Structure formats: structure tokens, C-alpha cells
Amino acid sequence: MFFRAKKKRDELPEIAQLSKYYEMDGQLRAYANRMAVMGLVCGLLAVGALSFAAYVRLQPPVVIRVDRQGEARVVGGQTVALGNGFLEAFTASADGVESAPTDVEGRGMVRRFLMRYLTYTPTNVERNFAEAMNMMTRNFRTLTMNKLRDEDIVGKIKADEITSTIRIRSIEPVPGMPWTYQAFAAKEVRRLSSHGTEYTDKMVCRYQVRLVQSRRSQTNPSGLLVGEFWEQQMVSERDIGLEQNSGLLDR
């Protein structure tokens, strides 16, 4: 009577086999606490990942120069080197003498600017002008934008169906003037009148472009910007004949 054997749960009636309310509540609370801890850990990992991504994104880009002998050298940005058996980060300054742009980079900058600014059609004039102005300094860009707006140059190009093409013959530095280049090019400007007559202006022009050295960046790896530009027309002729031949195709 006092030592009555305890029945197993499966031998009890169906109602008696159910868990007590405090047992079910304890399991739910344990699951809730476990999920809260997992959510807190995942949130901390997400914040850490976002912080690391922001830190990497804010780092300056690494600029590497490869010389004619094929040797690579870091001229800007932060890189990692192996020293004393450990990884060490060091920053290569873009202000030193070794990071100064070369003459080849200056000539390439002048060529890209002239091809963007002087080669256009009515359909791509806005894009080419925008790319050319992104190569300018801030004050020169503002001056050029004001001129384009006041004279409505883009509207005239679209209204007269003007197409401009150039062929650069030479680009040489101006003696005694740092980062100033003089270029000679053959230029053709074709326009269509309201009566459907095509006019072609063929000319030989001299261009002078003065560059300004700035910090290297991801959008401007050469570290050069256009600070001044002017054009001088040397020889010109107009062709209004029936046969419109392009002088740029002559070799």
C-alpha cells in the first residue's frame, strides 16, 4: 500500500499522459531564449560584416604602375606586404616623386580629351561632352558648361545635324611650360541644311591643352585634369559639291 509501484506514462489514461502546463511552458520559454540568443548572434555578425564592407569601400584604391621593363610598382593606395613572417599593411603616398605622372600619361590624357570633346554626332554629343567635362578641373568645367548653355551649342548641333570628326597628327609638349601640350589635327565638320544640302568644312587646327596634376583616384588613375584648352584654325576649306569625300580617310 505504501510502496505501490509507479505506473508508466503509456499505461496511464489518455488525459493523464498529457504533459503538465508548467512543463510545456518551460519548453516554450527555453526555445524562445534559444532563438533570442541566435538572433542576437546573427545580428552582431551582420553588423560586423557591414562595418568591414564599409571600411574596405572607404579605403583609397591601389594604383600600380608598370614600366617598360615590366616591373610593377605601387604608387598610391594601401597594400599588404609580408614582413618578419607577418602580414603588414603599408600606404604608398601619391604625393611623392615616384608617383608623378609620366609624359606618356599626359599625351594619353590629351588624346582622350580631344577625341571626346571634338568628335560627336547629334545622338552622342551629350554623352561625349559629359565625359570630356569629367576630365576638366572644377572651374574650367563650370566655365565650359556656362558657355554651352549660353550659346546653346548642343541644341544647334542637333538642329543642324552637325557631325564632327578629327584625326590627331601629333601631340608634343610645349617647351618651358609644364604639363602643356600642343596638338595638330585634321578636323571635318559636316552639317545638313534645311533643304537637305550637306556642307563639309575641312580644316587643320592647332590645339593647346594645359593639364593640372592632382591626386590619383579610381576615376582618375593618371592624376591629371584639363585646366585650359584653346583651338586655332590654321587652314580651312568648304565643300558643297555633289560628291562629299572625307579628307580624314586619305592616307
C-alpha atoms as a PDB file:
ATOM      1  CA  MET A   1       0.000   0.000   0.000  1.00  0.00           C
ATOM      2  CA  PHE A   2       2.755   2.433   0.896  1.00  0.00           C
ATOM      3  CA  PHE A   3       5.141   1.004  -1.655  1.00  0.00           C
ATOM      4  CA  ARG A   4       2.784   0.944  -4.591  1.00  0.00           C
ATOM      5  CA  ALA A   5       4.600   0.674  -7.927  1.00  0.00           C
ATOM      6  CA  LYS A   6       4.511   3.789 -10.093  1.00  0.00           C
ATOM      7  CA  LYS A   7       2.806   3.264 -13.388  1.00  0.00           C
ATOM      8  CA  LYS A   8       4.487   4.174 -16.658  1.00  0.00           C
ATOM      9  CA  ARG A   9       3.149   7.108 -18.683  1.00  0.00           C
ATOM     10  CA  ASP A  10       1.881   4.922 -21.528  1.00  0.00           C
ATOM     11  CA  GLU A  11      -0.102   2.838 -19.060  1.00  0.00           C
ATOM     12  CA  LEU A  12      -1.980   5.874 -17.778  1.00  0.00           C
ATOM     13  CA  PRO A  13      -5.250   7.131 -19.254  1.00  0.00           C
ATOM     14  CA  GLU A  14      -5.025   9.416 -22.283  1.00  0.00           C
ATOM     15  CA  ILE A  15      -5.717  12.579 -20.291  1.00  0.00           C
ATOM     16  CA  ALA A  16      -3.100  11.668 -17.717  1.00  0.00           C
ATOM     17  CA  GLN A  17      -0.476  11.128 -20.425  1.00  0.00           C
ATOM     18  CA  LEU A  18      -0.510  14.824 -21.389  1.00  0.00           C
ATOM     19  CA  SER A  19       2.333  16.996 -20.123  1.00  0.00           C
ATOM     20  CA  LYS A  20       1.695  19.375 -17.310  1.00  0.00           C
ATOM     21  CA  TYR A  21       1.141  23.024 -18.252  1.00  0.00           C
ATOM     22  CA  TYR A  22       4.309  24.128 -16.497  1.00  0.00           C
ATOM     23  CA  GLU A  23       6.349  21.563 -18.446  1.00  0.00           C
ATOM     24  CA  MET A  24       5.037  22.819 -21.818  1.00  0.00           C
ATOM     25  CA  ASP A  25       5.526  26.444 -20.804  1.00  0.00           C
ATOM     26  CA  GLY A  26       9.112  25.709 -19.737  1.00  0.00           C
ATOM     27  CA  GLN A  27       9.901  24.142 -23.129  1.00  0.00           C
ATOM     28  CA  LEU A  28       8.440  27.132 -24.981  1.00  0.00           C
ATOM     29  CA  ARG A  29      10.458  29.527 -22.872  1.00  0.00           C
ATOM     30  CA  ALA A  30      13.618  27.510 -23.489  1.00  0.00           C
ATOM     31  CA  TYR A  31      13.027  27.592 -27.272  1.00  0.00           C
ATOM     32  CA  ALA A  32      12.311  31.334 -27.124  1.00  0.00           C
ATOM     33  CA  ASN A  33      15.516  32.005 -25.193  1.00  0.00           C
ATOM     34  CA  ARG A  34      17.487  29.914 -27.658  1.00  0.00           C
ATOM     35  CA  MET A  35      16.052  31.784 -30.649  1.00  0.00           C
ATOM     36  CA  ALA A  36      16.751  35.138 -28.965  1.00  0.00           C
ATOM     37  CA  VAL A  37      20.404  34.213 -28.458  1.00  0.00           C
ATOM     38  CA  MET A  38      20.746  33.020 -32.067  1.00  0.00           C
ATOM     39  CA  GLY A  39      19.095  36.199 -33.352  1.00  0.00           C
ATOM     40  CA  LEU A  40      21.426  38.356 -31.278  1.00  0.00           C
ATOM     41  CA  VAL A  41      24.499  36.497 -32.566  1.00  0.00           C
ATOM     42  CA  CYS A  42      23.317  36.764 -36.208  1.00  0.00           C
ATOM     43  CA  GLY A  43      22.631  40.479 -35.758  1.00  0.00           C
ATOM     44  CA  LEU A  44      26.130  41.074 -34.385  1.00  0.00           C
ATOM     45  CA  LEU A  45      27.643  39.136 -37.309  1.00  0.00           C
ATOM     46  CA  ALA A  46      25.628  41.185 -39.820  1.00  0.00           C
ATOM     47  CA  VAL A  47      26.692  44.481 -38.239  1.00  0.00           C
ATOM     48  CA  GLY A  48      30.322  43.345 -38.270  1.00  0.00           C
ATOM     49  CA  ALA A  49      30.117  42.329 -41.931  1.00  0.00           C
ATOM     50  CA  LEU A  50      28.573  45.677 -42.902  1.00  0.00           C
ATOM     51  CA  SER A  51      31.214  47.568 -40.933  1.00  0.00           C
ATOM     52  CA  PHE A  52      34.015  45.634 -42.621  1.00  0.00           C
ATOM     53  CA  ALA A  53      32.489  46.241 -46.069  1.00  0.00           C
ATOM     54  CA  ALA A  54      32.212  49.975 -45.363  1.00  0.00           C
ATOM     55  CA  TYR A  55      35.822  50.084 -44.141  1.00  0.00           C
ATOM     56  CA  VAL A  56      37.083  48.325 -47.279  1.00  0.00           C
ATOM     57  CA  ARG A  57      34.973  50.571 -49.515  1.00  0.00           C
ATOM     58  CA  LEU A  58      36.362  53.750 -47.950  1.00  0.00           C
ATOM     59  CA  GLN A  59      39.983  52.716 -48.462  1.00  0.00           C
ATOM     60  CA  PRO A  60      41.768  54.506 -51.356  1.00  0.00           C
ATOM     61  CA  PRO A  61      42.236  52.391 -54.488  1.00  0.00           C
ATOM     62  CA  VAL A  62      45.598  50.802 -55.140  1.00  0.00           C
ATOM     63  CA  VAL A  63      47.318  52.330 -58.190  1.00  0.00           C
ATOM     64  CA  ILE A  64      50.051  50.205 -59.740  1.00  0.00           C
ATOM     65  CA  ARG A  65      52.404  51.448 -62.445  1.00  0.00           C
ATOM     66  CA  VAL A  66      54.114  49.042 -64.830  1.00  0.00           C
ATOM     67  CA  ASP A  67      57.208  50.468 -66.549  1.00  0.00           C
ATOM     68  CA  ARG A  68      58.662  49.489 -69.901  1.00  0.00           C
ATOM     69  CA  GLN A  69      60.738  46.731 -68.332  1.00  0.00           C
ATOM     70  CA  GLY A  70      57.578  45.121 -66.961  1.00  0.00           C
ATOM     71  CA  GLU A  71      58.297  45.976 -63.318  1.00  0.00           C
ATOM     72  CA  ALA A  72      55.235  46.834 -61.232  1.00  0.00           C
ATOM     73  CA  ARG A  73      55.343  49.466 -58.501  1.00  0.00           C
ATOM     74  CA  VAL A  74      52.636  50.696 -56.169  1.00  0.00           C
ATOM     75  CA  VAL A  75      52.255  54.467 -56.457  1.00  0.00           C
ATOM     76  CA  GLY A  76      49.051  55.028 -54.480  1.00  0.00           C
ATOM     77  CA  GLY A  77      46.712  53.326 -52.037  1.00  0.00           C
ATOM     78  CA  GLN A  78      47.162  50.766 -49.288  1.00  0.00           C
ATOM     79  CA  THR A  79      48.607  47.350 -49.914  1.00  0.00           C
ATOM     80  CA  VAL A  80      49.804  44.388 -47.877  1.00  0.00           C
ATOM     81  CA  ALA A  81      53.388  43.154 -47.623  1.00  0.00           C
ATOM     82  CA  LEU A  82      54.986  40.165 -45.906  1.00  0.00           C
ATOM     83  CA  GLY A  83      57.490  41.257 -43.277  1.00  0.00           C
ATOM     84  CA  ASN A  84      59.039  39.259 -40.416  1.00  0.00           C
ATOM     85  CA  GLY A  85      56.678  36.407 -41.136  1.00  0.00           C
ATOM     86  CA  PHE A  86      53.562  38.558 -40.628  1.00  0.00           C
ATOM     87  CA  LEU A  87      51.278  40.453 -42.951  1.00  0.00           C
ATOM     88  CA  GLU A  88      51.917  44.179 -42.665  1.00  0.00           C
ATOM     89  CA  ALA A  89      49.835  46.927 -44.310  1.00  0.00           C
ATOM     90  CA  PHE A  90      51.596  49.992 -45.614  1.00  0.00           C
ATOM     91  CA  THR A  91      50.348  53.006 -47.541  1.00  0.00           C
ATOM     92  CA  ALA A  92      52.095  54.271 -50.651  1.00  0.00           C
ATOM     93  CA  SER A  93      51.699  58.010 -50.838  1.00  0.00           C
ATOM     94  CA  ALA A  94      50.531  59.595 -54.076  1.00  0.00           C
ATOM     95  CA  ASP A  95      52.407  62.812 -53.280  1.00  0.00           C
ATOM     96  CA  GLY A  96      55.939  61.525 -53.725  1.00  0.00           C
ATOM     97  CA  VAL A  97      58.191  61.975 -56.724  1.00  0.00           C
ATOM     98  CA  GLU A  98      57.764  58.357 -57.783  1.00  0.00           C
ATOM     99  CA  SER A  99      54.009  58.814 -58.188  1.00  0.00           C
ATOM    100  CA  ALA A 100      54.287  61.756 -60.590  1.00  0.00           C
ATOM    101  CA  PRO A 101      52.522  61.113 -63.936  1.00  0.00           C
ATOM    102  CA  THR A 102      54.713  60.351 -66.907  1.00  0.00           C
ATOM    103  CA  ASP A 103      54.816  62.066 -70.275  1.00  0.00           C
ATOM    104  CA  VAL A 104      53.023  59.104 -71.851  1.00  0.00           C
ATOM    105  CA  GLU A 105      50.132  59.532 -69.420  1.00  0.00           C
ATOM    106  CA  GLY A 106      49.981  63.245 -70.258  1.00  0.00           C
ATOM    107  CA  ARG A 107      49.830  62.580 -74.000  1.00  0.00           C
ATOM    108  CA  GLY A 108      47.190  59.908 -73.468  1.00  0.00           C
ATOM    109  CA  MET A 109      45.091  62.315 -71.392  1.00  0.00           C
ATOM    110  CA  VAL A 110      45.284  64.966 -74.123  1.00  0.00           C
ATOM    111  CA  ARG A 111      44.324  62.462 -76.817  1.00  0.00           C
ATOM    112  CA  ARG A 112      41.326  61.141 -74.865  1.00  0.00           C
ATOM    113  CA  PHE A 113      40.108  64.652 -74.126  1.00  0.00           C
ATOM    114  CA  LEU A 114      40.328  65.813 -77.740  1.00  0.00           C
ATOM    115  CA  MET A 115      38.604  62.694 -79.034  1.00  0.00           C
ATOM    116  CA  ARG A 116      35.735  63.114 -76.535  1.00  0.00           C
ATOM    117  CA  TYR A 117      35.340  66.868 -76.877  1.00  0.00           C
ATOM    118  CA  LEU A 118      35.769  67.251 -80.657  1.00  0.00           C
ATOM    119  CA  THR A 119      34.258  64.012 -82.001  1.00  0.00           C
ATOM    120  CA  TYR A 120      30.484  63.814 -81.792  1.00  0.00           C
ATOM    121  CA  THR A 121      27.215  63.259 -83.639  1.00  0.00           C
ATOM    122  CA  PRO A 122      23.730  64.595 -82.849  1.00  0.00           C
ATOM    123  CA  THR A 123      22.941  61.385 -80.973  1.00  0.00           C
ATOM    124  CA  ASN A 124      26.021  61.119 -78.747  1.00  0.00           C
ATOM    125  CA  VAL A 125      27.011  64.776 -78.294  1.00  0.00           C
ATOM    126  CA  GLU A 126      25.662  64.964 -74.739  1.00  0.00           C
ATOM    127  CA  ARG A 127      27.475  61.822 -73.613  1.00  0.00           C
ATOM    128  CA  ASN A 128      30.776  62.865 -75.227  1.00  0.00           C
ATOM    129  CA  PHE A 129      30.604  66.362 -73.742  1.00  0.00           C
ATOM    130  CA  ALA A 130      29.837  64.885 -70.310  1.00  0.00           C
ATOM    131  CA  GLU A 131      32.829  62.533 -70.500  1.00  0.00           C
ATOM    132  CA  ALA A 132      35.064  65.399 -71.648  1.00  0.00           C
ATOM    133  CA  MET A 133      33.922  67.659 -68.804  1.00  0.00           C
ATOM    134  CA  ASN A 134      34.630  64.916 -66.276  1.00  0.00           C
ATOM    135  CA  MET A 135      38.288  65.274 -67.325  1.00  0.00           C
ATOM    136  CA  MET A 136      38.342  69.008 -66.511  1.00  0.00           C
ATOM    137  CA  THR A 137      39.061  70.897 -63.318  1.00  0.00           C
ATOM    138  CA  ARG A 138      36.073  72.261 -61.439  1.00  0.00           C
ATOM    139  CA  ASN A 139      36.434  75.902 -62.503  1.00  0.00           C
ATOM    140  CA  PHE A 140      37.154  75.017 -66.142  1.00  0.00           C
ATOM    141  CA  ARG A 141      34.163  72.652 -66.131  1.00  0.00           C
ATOM    142  CA  THR A 142      31.912  75.413 -64.799  1.00  0.00           C
ATOM    143  CA  LEU A 143      33.166  77.832 -67.454  1.00  0.00           C
ATOM    144  CA  THR A 144      32.572  75.291 -70.232  1.00  0.00           C
ATOM    145  CA  MET A 145      29.083  74.408 -69.000  1.00  0.00           C
ATOM    146  CA  ASN A 146      28.109  78.083 -68.875  1.00  0.00           C
ATOM    147  CA  LYS A 147      29.354  78.581 -72.418  1.00  0.00           C
ATOM    148  CA  LEU A 148      27.484  75.538 -73.717  1.00  0.00           C
ATOM    149  CA  ARG A 149      24.288  76.730 -72.016  1.00  0.00           C
ATOM    150  CA  ASP A 150      24.531  80.410 -73.050  1.00  0.00           C
ATOM    151  CA  GLU A 151      25.311  79.657 -76.702  1.00  0.00           C
ATOM    152  CA  ASP A 152      23.015  76.591 -76.868  1.00  0.00           C
ATOM    153  CA  ILE A 153      25.722  74.626 -78.630  1.00  0.00           C
ATOM    154  CA  VAL A 154      24.095  71.234 -78.052  1.00  0.00           C
ATOM    155  CA  GLY A 155      20.781  72.495 -79.453  1.00  0.00           C
ATOM    156  CA  LYS A 156      22.499  73.868 -82.572  1.00  0.00           C
ATOM    157  CA  ILE A 157      24.322  70.579 -83.121  1.00  0.00           C
ATOM    158  CA  LYS A 158      21.052  68.657 -83.009  1.00  0.00           C
ATOM    159  CA  ALA A 159      19.126  71.199 -85.086  1.00  0.00           C
ATOM    160  CA  ASP A 160      21.729  71.398 -87.891  1.00  0.00           C
ATOM    161  CA  GLU A 161      22.600  67.674 -87.747  1.00  0.00           C
ATOM    162  CA  ILE A 162      26.277  68.502 -87.187  1.00  0.00           C
ATOM    163  CA  THR A 163      28.829  65.698 -87.151  1.00  0.00           C
ATOM    164  CA  SER A 164      32.415  66.430 -86.128  1.00  0.00           C
ATOM    165  CA  THR A 165      35.405  64.117 -86.562  1.00  0.00           C
ATOM    166  CA  ILE A 166      39.127  64.683 -86.087  1.00  0.00           C
ATOM    167  CA  ARG A 167      42.356  62.871 -86.805  1.00  0.00           C
ATOM    168  CA  ILE A 168      45.206  63.798 -84.500  1.00  0.00           C
ATOM    169  CA  ARG A 169      48.512  64.084 -86.321  1.00  0.00           C
ATOM    170  CA  SER A 170      50.881  64.869 -83.453  1.00  0.00           C
ATOM    171  CA  ILE A 171      50.945  65.715 -79.747  1.00  0.00           C
ATOM    172  CA  GLU A 172      54.064  67.403 -78.428  1.00  0.00           C
ATOM    173  CA  PRO A 173      54.869  69.129 -75.100  1.00  0.00           C
ATOM    174  CA  VAL A 174      55.354  72.895 -75.155  1.00  0.00           C
ATOM    175  CA  PRO A 175      58.922  73.792 -74.086  1.00  0.00           C
ATOM    176  CA  GLY A 176      59.148  75.715 -70.849  1.00  0.00           C
ATOM    177  CA  MET A 177      55.501  75.085 -69.878  1.00  0.00           C
ATOM    178  CA  PRO A 178      54.927  72.081 -67.587  1.00  0.00           C
ATOM    179  CA  TRP A 179      52.080  69.763 -68.491  1.00  0.00           C
ATOM    180  CA  THR A 180      51.173  71.835 -71.548  1.00  0.00           C
ATOM    181  CA  TYR A 181      50.801  70.068 -74.876  1.00  0.00           C
ATOM    182  CA  GLN A 182      50.311  71.234 -78.437  1.00  0.00           C
ATOM    183  CA  ALA A 183      48.389  69.049 -80.859  1.00  0.00           C
ATOM    184  CA  PHE A 184      47.808  69.304 -84.616  1.00  0.00           C
ATOM    185  CA  ALA A 185      44.766  67.606 -86.094  1.00  0.00           C
ATOM    186  CA  ALA A 186      42.673  67.470 -89.248  1.00  0.00           C
ATOM    187  CA  LYS A 187      39.050  68.257 -88.477  1.00  0.00           C
ATOM    188  CA  GLU A 188      35.882  67.770 -90.504  1.00  0.00           C
ATOM    189  CA  VAL A 189      32.538  69.313 -89.602  1.00  0.00           C
ATOM    190  CA  ARG A 190      29.542  68.141 -91.621  1.00  0.00           C
ATOM    191  CA  ARG A 191      26.160  69.841 -91.369  1.00  0.00           C
ATOM    192  CA  LEU A 192      22.841  69.400 -93.157  1.00  0.00           C
ATOM    193  CA  SER A 193      20.797  72.429 -94.185  1.00  0.00           C
ATOM    194  CA  SER A 194      17.011  72.637 -94.067  1.00  0.00           C
ATOM    195  CA  HIS A 195      16.933  71.967 -97.843  1.00  0.00           C
ATOM    196  CA  GLY A 196      18.848  68.714 -97.460  1.00  0.00           C
ATOM    197  CA  THR A 197      22.173  70.074 -98.738  1.00  0.00           C
ATOM    198  CA  GLU A 198      25.271  68.796 -96.977  1.00  0.00           C
ATOM    199  CA  TYR A 199      28.111  71.189 -96.186  1.00  0.00           C
ATOM    200  CA  THR A 200      31.543  69.955 -95.185  1.00  0.00           C
ATOM    201  CA  ASP A 201      34.139  72.181 -93.548  1.00  0.00           C
ATOM    202  CA  LYS A 202      37.635  70.716 -93.692  1.00  0.00           C
ATOM    203  CA  MET A 203      40.285  72.393 -91.607  1.00  0.00           C
ATOM    204  CA  VAL A 204      43.650  71.918 -89.984  1.00  0.00           C
ATOM    205  CA  CYS A 205      43.681  73.126 -86.388  1.00  0.00           C
ATOM    206  CA  ARG A 206      46.194  73.608 -83.647  1.00  0.00           C
ATOM    207  CA  TYR A 207      45.133  72.809 -80.113  1.00  0.00           C
ATOM    208  CA  GLN A 208      46.816  73.661 -76.852  1.00  0.00           C
ATOM    209  CA  VAL A 209      45.867  71.774 -73.718  1.00  0.00           C
ATOM    210  CA  ARG A 210      47.219  72.572 -70.264  1.00  0.00           C
ATOM    211  CA  LEU A 211      46.970  69.801 -67.694  1.00  0.00           C
ATOM    212  CA  VAL A 212      46.875  70.075 -63.919  1.00  0.00           C
ATOM    213  CA  GLN A 213      48.348  67.408 -61.675  1.00  0.00           C
ATOM    214  CA  SER A 214      46.026  66.124 -58.944  1.00  0.00           C
ATOM    215  CA  ARG A 215      45.736  63.106 -56.697  1.00  0.00           C
ATOM    216  CA  ARG A 216      45.298  59.732 -58.312  1.00  0.00           C
ATOM    217  CA  SER A 217      41.916  58.121 -57.795  1.00  0.00           C
ATOM    218  CA  GLN A 218      39.833  55.257 -59.089  1.00  0.00           C
ATOM    219  CA  THR A 219      38.062  57.532 -61.584  1.00  0.00           C
ATOM    220  CA  ASN A 220      41.262  59.396 -62.497  1.00  0.00           C
ATOM    221  CA  PRO A 221      44.159  56.906 -62.296  1.00  0.00           C
ATOM    222  CA  SER A 222      46.574  59.175 -64.197  1.00  0.00           C
ATOM    223  CA  GLY A 223      46.185  62.016 -61.698  1.00  0.00           C
ATOM    224  CA  LEU A 224      45.799  64.633 -64.462  1.00  0.00           C
ATOM    225  CA  LEU A 225      42.955  67.040 -65.249  1.00  0.00           C
ATOM    226  CA  VAL A 226      42.439  69.525 -68.085  1.00  0.00           C
ATOM    227  CA  GLY A 227      42.812  73.079 -66.815  1.00  0.00           C
ATOM    228  CA  GLU A 228      42.857  75.022 -70.086  1.00  0.00           C
ATOM    229  CA  PHE A 229      42.056  74.408 -73.750  1.00  0.00           C
ATOM    230  CA  TRP A 230      42.009  76.563 -76.846  1.00  0.00           C
ATOM    231  CA  GLU A 231      41.762  75.973 -80.583  1.00  0.00           C
ATOM    232  CA  GLN A 232      43.338  77.832 -83.501  1.00  0.00           C
ATOM    233  CA  GLN A 233      42.178  77.253 -87.070  1.00  0.00           C
ATOM    234  CA  MET A 234      45.105  77.281 -89.489  1.00  0.00           C
ATOM    235  CA  VAL A 235      43.800  76.096 -92.908  1.00  0.00           C
ATOM    236  CA  SER A 236      40.183  75.547 -93.917  1.00  0.00           C
ATOM    237  CA  GLU A 237      38.009  74.913 -96.944  1.00  0.00           C
ATOM    238  CA  ARG A 238      34.313  74.280 -97.562  1.00  0.00           C
ATOM    239  CA  ASP A 239      32.989  71.552 -99.831  1.00  0.00           C
ATOM    240  CA  ILE A 240      29.424  71.906-101.110  1.00  0.00           C
ATOM    241  CA  GLY A 241      29.808  69.721-104.195  1.00  0.00           C
ATOM    242  CA  LEU A 242      27.720  66.733-105.103  1.00  0.00           C
ATOM    243  CA  GLU A 243      30.451  64.293-104.079  1.00  0.00           C
ATOM    244  CA  GLN A 244      31.255  64.556-100.404  1.00  0.00           C
ATOM    245  CA  ASN A 245      34.644  62.946 -99.843  1.00  0.00           C
ATOM    246  CA  SER A 246      36.178  62.687 -96.393  1.00  0.00           C
ATOM    247  CA  GLY A 247      39.670  64.069 -96.054  1.00  0.00           C
ATOM    248  CA  LEU A 248      40.228  62.018 -92.897  1.00  0.00           C
ATOM    249  CA  LEU A 249      40.244  58.830 -94.964  1.00  0.00           C
ATOM    250  CA  ASP A 250      43.178  59.962 -97.073  1.00  0.00           C
ATOM    251  CA  ARG A 251      46.441  58.241 -96.276  1.00  0.00           C
END
